[in-house]
Amino acid sequence: MNNVGFGTRLGAVLLDFLIVGIPFNIIQILIFGPGAYDANDPAYYQALPFSLLVGISYYVGMWTFADGATIGKKILKIKIVKNDGSPLTFGSALGRYFAYLIAAIPCALGLLWVLWDKEKRGWHDKMAGTKVITA
């Protein structure tokens, strides 16, 4: 099982955004208004916990209970596993989710790291002890 490169991983993220992200954003605007995306609007801070809860539920849930793959990853036939090849537990999936957020902070450098890393692993993979492989 080979580690999956940046292009395929990005494709899975884009599919997830189309299938899950766009509908979620529409629902969030219907609930909190367009201010949910403006840090100068109080609605932004009301929507933030909702957004975090939905993100955790989707990603951690899929990584834990759907064989390590979101819908986008399933379509592209890839999945996330621990470094030893075993499936993610709830704890390891939750840790990876927060590591993913940290890796995105410095201009997404930790996510782009997959492009240069010989093992095709981003900072979030390294922090969480995971890798993305063909399913």
Foldseek 3Di string as FASTA:
>chain_A
DAFDFDVLVVQLVVVCCVVPVVVVVVVLCVVQNPCCPPPVDPSVVVCVVVVVVVVLCQQLVCQAPVQAGHPSCVVSQKGKDALVRHGDHSVLRSQLSVQCVVCPPPVNVQVCVLVVDPRSHGSSCVRSRMTMGGD
